[in-house]
């Protein structure tokens, strides 16, 4: 949809841009940002001896 040039593509292009942007953003958040935040805020429990 984003790269199409056929009939009606000028109407669907803005929607496709938002969808592709959301997919890229959610992928980056899921794979990089959320695990980094989890590691940063995780409570470190030291084993008792």
PDB file of N, CA and C in Angstrom:
ATOM      1  N   UNK A   1       0.812  -1.200   0.000  1.00  0.00           N
ATOM      2  CA  UNK A   1       0.000   0.000   0.000  1.00  0.00           C
ATOM      3  C   UNK A   1       0.853   1.261   0.000  1.00  0.00           C
ATOM      4  N   UNK A   2       1.950   1.224   0.717  1.00  0.00           N
ATOM      5  CA  UNK A   2       2.770   2.425   0.850  1.00  0.00           C
ATOM      6  C   UNK A   2       3.433   2.815  -0.460  1.00  0.00           C
ATOM      7  N   UNK A   3       3.849   1.834  -1.237  1.00  0.00           N
ATOM      8  CA  UNK A   3       4.571   2.115  -2.476  1.00  0.00           C
ATOM      9  C   UNK A   3       3.718   1.940  -3.728  1.00  0.00           C
ATOM     10  N   UNK A   4       2.434   1.708  -3.563  1.00  0.00           N
ATOM     11  CA  UNK A   4       1.584   1.466  -4.727  1.00  0.00           C
ATOM     12  C   UNK A   4       1.337   2.756  -5.508  1.00  0.00           C
ATOM     13  N   UNK A   5       1.085   2.590  -6.803  1.00  0.00           N
ATOM     14  CA  UNK A   5       0.839   3.746  -7.670  1.00  0.00           C
ATOM     15  C   UNK A   5      -0.468   3.608  -8.441  1.00  0.00           C
ATOM     16  N   UNK A   6      -1.273   2.626  -8.101  1.00  0.00           N
ATOM     17  CA  UNK A   6      -2.508   2.376  -8.840  1.00  0.00           C
ATOM     18  C   UNK A   6      -3.623   3.332  -8.464  1.00  0.00           C
ATOM     19  N   UNK A   7      -4.795   3.019  -8.974  1.00  0.00           N
ATOM     20  CA  UNK A   7      -5.973   3.833  -8.723  1.00  0.00           C
ATOM     21  C   UNK A   7      -6.327   3.805  -7.239  1.00  0.00           C
ATOM     22  N   UNK A   8      -6.541   4.963  -6.664  1.00  0.00           N
ATOM     23  CA  UNK A   8      -6.914   5.061  -5.262  1.00  0.00           C
ATOM     24  C   UNK A   8      -5.748   5.036  -4.298  1.00  0.00           C
ATOM     25  N   UNK A   9      -4.541   4.932  -4.805  1.00  0.00           N
ATOM     26  CA  UNK A   9      -3.391   4.841  -3.903  1.00  0.00           C
ATOM     27  C   UNK A   9      -3.154   6.141  -3.146  1.00  0.00           C
ATOM     28  N   UNK A  10      -3.551   7.272  -3.735  1.00  0.00           N
ATOM     29  CA  UNK A  10      -3.352   8.546  -3.042  1.00  0.00           C
ATOM     30  C   UNK A  10      -4.233   8.659  -1.806  1.00  0.00           C
ATOM     31  N   UNK A  11      -5.304   7.893  -1.758  1.00  0.00           N
ATOM     32  CA  UNK A  11      -6.177   7.892  -0.589  1.00  0.00           C
ATOM     33  C   UNK A  11      -5.631   6.957   0.488  1.00  0.00           C
ATOM     34  N   UNK A  12      -5.067   5.834   0.085  1.00  0.00           N
ATOM     35  CA  UNK A  12      -4.606   4.837   1.043  1.00  0.00           C
ATOM     36  C   UNK A  12      -3.186   5.078   1.541  1.00  0.00           C
ATOM     37  N   UNK A  13      -2.409   5.893   0.850  1.00  0.00           N
ATOM     38  CA  UNK A  13      -1.011   6.114   1.216  1.00  0.00           C
ATOM     39  C   UNK A  13      -0.846   6.689   2.633  1.00  0.00           C
ATOM     40  N   UNK A  14      -1.628   7.690   3.069  1.00  0.00           N
ATOM     41  CA  UNK A  14      -1.456   8.190   4.442  1.00  0.00           C
ATOM     42  C   UNK A  14      -1.733   7.121   5.504  1.00  0.00           C
ATOM     43  N   UNK A  15      -2.739   6.303   5.280  1.00  0.00           N
ATOM     44  CA  UNK A  15      -3.033   5.220   6.212  1.00  0.00           C
ATOM     45  C   UNK A  15      -1.901   4.208   6.245  1.00  0.00           C
ATOM     46  N   UNK A  16      -1.376   3.866   5.088  1.00  0.00           N
ATOM     47  CA  UNK A  16      -0.276   2.903   5.023  1.00  0.00           C
ATOM     48  C   UNK A  16       0.967   3.450   5.709  1.00  0.00           C
ATOM     49  N   UNK A  17       1.211   4.746   5.591  1.00  0.00           N
ATOM     50  CA  UNK A  17       2.359   5.359   6.250  1.00  0.00           C
ATOM     51  C   UNK A  17       2.247   5.228   7.764  1.00  0.00           C
ATOM     52  N   UNK A  18       1.073   5.473   8.294  1.00  0.00           N
ATOM     53  CA  UNK A  18       0.859   5.357   9.736  1.00  0.00           C
ATOM     54  C   UNK A  18       1.009   3.909  10.191  1.00  0.00           C
ATOM     55  N   UNK A  19       0.483   2.971   9.432  1.00  0.00           N
ATOM     56  CA  UNK A  19       0.569   1.557   9.795  1.00  0.00           C
ATOM     57  C   UNK A  19       2.019   1.084   9.794  1.00  0.00           C
ATOM     58  N   UNK A  20       2.773   1.422   8.757  1.00  0.00           N
ATOM     59  CA  UNK A  20       4.176   1.005   8.680  1.00  0.00           C
ATOM     60  C   UNK A  20       4.985   1.663   9.799  1.00  0.00           C
ATOM     61  N   UNK A  21       4.738   2.930  10.063  1.00  0.00           N
ATOM     62  CA  UNK A  21       5.425   3.610  11.163  1.00  0.00           C
ATOM     63  C   UNK A  21       5.120   2.973  12.505  1.00  0.00           C
ATOM     64  N   UNK A  22       3.881   2.586  12.714  1.00  0.00           N
ATOM     65  CA  UNK A  22       3.506   1.914  13.957  1.00  0.00           C
ATOM     66  C   UNK A  22       4.151   0.548  14.094  1.00  0.00           C
ATOM     67  N   UNK A  23       4.239  -0.185  13.005  1.00  0.00           N
ATOM     68  CA  UNK A  23       4.892  -1.497  13.043  1.00  0.00           C
ATOM     69  C   UNK A  23       6.373  -1.368  13.382  1.00  0.00           C
ATOM     70  N   UNK A  24       7.039  -0.403  12.766  1.00  0.00           N
ATOM     71  CA  UNK A  24       8.464  -0.203  13.045  1.00  0.00           C
ATOM     72  C   UNK A  24       8.672   0.244  14.488  1.00  0.00           C
ATOM     73  N   UNK A  25       7.860   1.185  14.948  1.00  0.00           N
ATOM     74  CA  UNK A  25       7.988   1.679  16.314  1.00  0.00           C
ATOM     75  C   UNK A  25       7.723   0.585  17.337  1.00  0.00           C
ATOM     76  N   UNK A  26       6.673  -0.188  17.146  1.00  0.00           N
ATOM     77  CA  UNK A  26       6.357  -1.239  18.115  1.00  0.00           C
ATOM     78  C   UNK A  26       7.410  -2.337  18.117  1.00  0.00           C
ATOM     79  N   UNK A  27       8.001  -2.629  16.968  1.00  0.00           N
ATOM     80  CA  UNK A  27       9.062  -3.631  16.913  1.00  0.00           C
ATOM     81  C   UNK A  27      10.286  -3.169  17.684  1.00  0.00           C
ATOM     82  N   UNK A  28      10.680  -1.919  17.489  1.00  0.00           N
ATOM     83  CA  UNK A  28      11.838  -1.384  18.213  1.00  0.00           C
ATOM     84  C   UNK A  28      11.561  -1.352  19.709  1.00  0.00           C
ATOM     85  N   UNK A  29      10.364  -0.928  20.100  1.00  0.00           N
ATOM     86  CA  UNK A  29      10.025  -0.899  21.522  1.00  0.00           C
ATOM     87  C   UNK A  29      10.057  -2.294  22.128  1.00  0.00           C
ATOM     88  N   UNK A  30       9.483  -3.257  21.427  1.00  0.00           N
ATOM     89  CA  UNK A  30       9.393  -4.610  21.960  1.00  0.00           C
ATOM     90  C   UNK A  30      10.753  -5.280  22.070  1.00  0.00           C
ATOM     91  N   UNK A  31      11.607  -5.084  21.084  1.00  0.00           N
ATOM     92  CA  UNK A  31      12.881  -5.800  21.055  1.00  0.00           C
ATOM     93  C   UNK A  31      14.004  -5.087  21.792  1.00  0.00           C
ATOM     94  N   UNK A  32      13.967  -3.770  21.892  1.00  0.00           N
ATOM     95  CA  UNK A  32      15.096  -3.038  22.462  1.00  0.00           C
ATOM     96  C   UNK A  32      14.751  -2.260  23.729  1.00  0.00           C
ATOM     97  N   UNK A  33      13.755  -1.420  23.670  1.00  0.00           N
ATOM     98  CA  UNK A  33      13.501  -0.478  24.754  1.00  0.00           C
ATOM     99  C   UNK A  33      12.926  -1.164  25.984  1.00  0.00           C
ATOM    100  N   UNK A  34      11.915  -1.982  25.822  1.00  0.00           N
ATOM    101  CA  UNK A  34      11.271  -2.618  26.975  1.00  0.00           C
ATOM    102  C   UNK A  34      12.224  -3.552  27.720  1.00  0.00           C
ATOM    103  N   UNK A  35      13.006  -4.411  27.049  1.00  0.00           N
ATOM    104  CA  UNK A  35      13.979  -5.213  27.800  1.00  0.00           C
ATOM    105  C   UNK A  35      15.035  -4.366  28.511  1.00  0.00           C
ATOM    106  N   UNK A  36      15.460  -3.266  27.893  1.00  0.00           N
ATOM    107  CA  UNK A  36      16.438  -2.389  28.540  1.00  0.00           C
ATOM    108  C   UNK A  36      15.845  -1.740  29.783  1.00  0.00           C
ATOM    109  N   UNK A  37      14.608  -1.284  29.694  1.00  0.00           N
ATOM    110  CA  UNK A  37      13.953  -0.700  30.866  1.00  0.00           C
ATOM    111  C   UNK A  37      13.739  -1.742  31.955  1.00  0.00           C
ATOM    112  N   UNK A  38      13.383  -2.951  31.574  1.00  0.00           N
ATOM    113  CA  UNK A  38      13.196  -4.012  32.558  1.00  0.00           C
ATOM    114  C   UNK A  38      14.499  -4.294  33.300  1.00  0.00           C
ATOM    115  N   UNK A  39      15.592  -4.365  32.564  1.00  0.00           N
ATOM    116  CA  UNK A  39      16.880  -4.627  33.191  1.00  0.00           C
ATOM    117  C   UNK A  39      17.295  -3.465  34.087  1.00  0.00           C
ATOM    118  N   UNK A  40      16.965  -2.260  33.686  1.00  0.00           N
ATOM    119  CA  UNK A  40      17.343  -1.081  34.444  1.00  0.00           C
ATOM    120  C   UNK A  40      16.559  -0.989  35.755  1.00  0.00           C
ATOM    121  N   UNK A  41      15.264  -1.310  35.727  1.00  0.00           N
ATOM    122  CA  UNK A  41      14.415  -1.173  36.900  1.00  0.00           C
ATOM    123  C   UNK A  41      14.247  -2.462  37.706  1.00  0.00           C
ATOM    124  N   UNK A  42      14.787  -3.558  37.236  1.00  0.00           N
ATOM    125  CA  UNK A  42      14.609  -4.832  37.932  1.00  0.00           C
ATOM    126  C   UNK A  42      15.302  -4.784  39.293  1.00  0.00           C
ATOM    127  N   UNK A  43      14.639  -5.363  40.267  1.00  0.00           N
ATOM    128  CA  UNK A  43      15.199  -5.414  41.614  1.00  0.00           C
ATOM    129  C   UNK A  43      16.184  -6.565  41.665  1.00  0.00           C
ATOM    130  N   UNK A  44      17.374  -6.250  42.083  1.00  0.00           N
ATOM    131  CA  UNK A  44      18.396  -7.284  42.170  1.00  0.00           C
ATOM    132  C   UNK A  44      18.276  -7.984  43.522  1.00  0.00           C
ATOM    133  N   UNK A  45      18.071  -9.281  43.474  1.00  0.00           N
ATOM    134  CA  UNK A  45      17.956 -10.083  44.685  1.00  0.00           C
ATOM    135  C   UNK A  45      19.246 -10.871  44.837  1.00  0.00           C
ATOM    136  N   UNK A  46      19.922 -10.637  45.948  1.00  0.00           N
ATOM    137  CA  UNK A  46      21.162 -11.364  46.194  1.00  0.00           C
ATOM    138  C   UNK A  46      20.834 -12.650  46.947  1.00  0.00           C
ATOM    139  N   UNK A  47      21.474 -13.739  46.575  1.00  0.00           N
ATOM    140  CA  UNK A  47      21.194 -15.008  47.254  1.00  0.00           C
ATOM    141  C   UNK A  47      21.681 -14.985  48.706  1.00  0.00           C
ATOM    142  N   UNK A  48      20.869 -15.569  49.575  1.00  0.00           N
ATOM    143  CA  UNK A  48      21.245 -15.644  50.990  1.00  0.00           C
ATOM    144  C   UNK A  48      22.136 -16.853  51.214  1.00  0.00           C
ATOM    145  N   UNK A  49      23.136 -16.658  52.032  1.00  0.00           N
ATOM    146  CA  UNK A  49      24.082 -17.755  52.301  1.00  0.00           C
ATOM    147  C   UNK A  49      23.824 -18.322  53.674  1.00  0.00           C
TER     148      UNK A  49
END
